[in-house]
Each structure stands twice: as C-alpha cells, then as structure tokens.
Amino acid sequence: MPASILEEVGHLLGAALTRGTTTRLSCPSCGSAHVAQVLGDNGGISYVCTACGHSWS
C-alpha cells in the first residue's frame, strides 16, 4: 500500500503512460494521434480522427 496519495498517483500515471505508448492509434489519412473510439452501426468498434474527420473500422 502506498504511503501517500502522491505515490499512488505517480504509480497510476506511470501505468497510463506505458499503456498509452503501446496502444497509440494514428489516423491512416492524416497521421494525427487525435483518434476517438466509437461504436459502429452494428455494435462493432470504429475509429474517427478528431483532426480531419476520417473514420474507419
């Protein structure tokens, strides 16, 4: 158990940074990393680039 809340926050931030670098998506159209995951029409997973508007699944 961490001795302080700062230790816990540091641990969580470290895990988030590690996870973010290994699962980063980029837009196939413009190369931007500003990608949102959305539900598709049939419940599948799709992605949309918030920089250029391109969408794909």
C-alpha atoms as a PDB file:
ATOM      1  CA  MET A   1       0.000   0.000   0.000  1.00  0.00           C
ATOM      2  CA  PRO A   2       1.406   3.439  -0.900  1.00  0.00           C
ATOM      3  CA  ALA A   3       2.471   5.705   1.930  1.00  0.00           C
ATOM      4  CA  SER A   4       0.817   8.743   0.340  1.00  0.00           C
ATOM      5  CA  ILE A   5      -1.666   9.737  -2.323  1.00  0.00           C
ATOM      6  CA  LEU A   6       1.221  11.193  -4.362  1.00  0.00           C
ATOM      7  CA  GLU A   7       2.835   7.759  -4.583  1.00  0.00           C
ATOM      8  CA  GLU A   8      -0.436   6.265  -5.767  1.00  0.00           C
ATOM      9  CA  VAL A   9      -0.940   8.986  -8.397  1.00  0.00           C
ATOM     10  CA  GLY A  10       2.628   8.505  -9.615  1.00  0.00           C
ATOM     11  CA  HIS A  11       2.045   4.776  -9.953  1.00  0.00           C
ATOM     12  CA  LEU A  12      -1.195   5.300 -11.928  1.00  0.00           C
ATOM     13  CA  LEU A  13       0.373   7.904 -14.214  1.00  0.00           C
ATOM     14  CA  GLY A  14       3.277   5.603 -14.945  1.00  0.00           C
ATOM     15  CA  ALA A  15       0.918   2.789 -15.904  1.00  0.00           C
ATOM     16  CA  ALA A  16      -1.166   5.096 -18.099  1.00  0.00           C
ATOM     17  CA  LEU A  17       1.905   6.380 -19.922  1.00  0.00           C
ATOM     18  CA  THR A  18       3.158   2.856 -20.536  1.00  0.00           C
ATOM     19  CA  ARG A  19      -0.227   1.705 -21.771  1.00  0.00           C
ATOM     20  CA  GLY A  20      -0.713   4.802 -23.946  1.00  0.00           C
ATOM     21  CA  THR A  21       2.537   4.349 -25.817  1.00  0.00           C
ATOM     22  CA  THR A  22       1.881   0.708 -26.663  1.00  0.00           C
ATOM     23  CA  THR A  23      -1.700   1.160 -27.934  1.00  0.00           C
ATOM     24  CA  ARG A  24      -1.496   4.535 -29.660  1.00  0.00           C
ATOM     25  CA  LEU A  25      -3.517   4.805 -32.854  1.00  0.00           C
ATOM     26  CA  SER A  26      -2.927   7.227 -35.663  1.00  0.00           C
ATOM     27  CA  CYS A  27      -5.199   8.309 -38.477  1.00  0.00           C
ATOM     28  CA  PRO A  28      -4.395   6.483 -41.732  1.00  0.00           C
ATOM     29  CA  SER A  29      -5.430   9.593 -43.657  1.00  0.00           C
ATOM     30  CA  CYS A  30      -3.567  12.451 -41.944  1.00  0.00           C
ATOM     31  CA  GLY A  31      -1.354  10.645 -39.391  1.00  0.00           C
ATOM     32  CA  SER A  32      -2.791  12.515 -36.397  1.00  0.00           C
ATOM     33  CA  ALA A  33      -2.846  10.791 -32.999  1.00  0.00           C
ATOM     34  CA  HIS A  34      -6.161  12.502 -32.157  1.00  0.00           C
ATOM     35  CA  VAL A  35      -8.306   9.396 -32.604  1.00  0.00           C
ATOM     36  CA  ALA A  36     -11.551   8.559 -30.812  1.00  0.00           C
ATOM     37  CA  GLN A  37     -13.013   5.085 -30.481  1.00  0.00           C
ATOM     38  CA  VAL A  38     -16.750   4.942 -31.251  1.00  0.00           C
ATOM     39  CA  LEU A  39     -19.421   2.286 -31.584  1.00  0.00           C
ATOM     40  CA  GLY A  40     -20.210   1.316 -35.155  1.00  0.00           C
ATOM     41  CA  ASP A  41     -23.651   0.877 -36.687  1.00  0.00           C
ATOM     42  CA  ASN A  42     -23.849  -2.834 -35.842  1.00  0.00           C
ATOM     43  CA  GLY A  43     -22.248  -2.547 -32.425  1.00  0.00           C
ATOM     44  CA  GLY A  44     -18.709  -3.006 -33.736  1.00  0.00           C
ATOM     45  CA  ILE A  45     -15.792  -0.744 -32.924  1.00  0.00           C
ATOM     46  CA  SER A  46     -14.929   2.118 -35.253  1.00  0.00           C
ATOM     47  CA  TYR A  47     -12.485   4.988 -35.032  1.00  0.00           C
ATOM     48  CA  VAL A  48     -12.743   8.630 -36.033  1.00  0.00           C
ATOM     49  CA  CYS A  49      -9.974  11.190 -36.339  1.00  0.00           C
ATOM     50  CA  THR A  50     -10.906  14.358 -34.485  1.00  0.00           C
ATOM     51  CA  ALA A  51      -8.362  16.334 -36.526  1.00  0.00           C
ATOM     52  CA  CYS A  52      -9.570  15.593 -40.078  1.00  0.00           C
ATOM     53  CA  GLY A  53     -12.865  13.692 -39.606  1.00  0.00           C
ATOM     54  CA  HIS A  54     -11.740  10.487 -41.345  1.00  0.00           C
ATOM     55  CA  SER A  55     -13.450   7.372 -39.952  1.00  0.00           C
ATOM     56  CA  TRP A  56     -12.532   3.694 -40.257  1.00  0.00           C
ATOM     57  CA  SER A  57     -13.068   0.332 -38.584  1.00  0.00           C
END
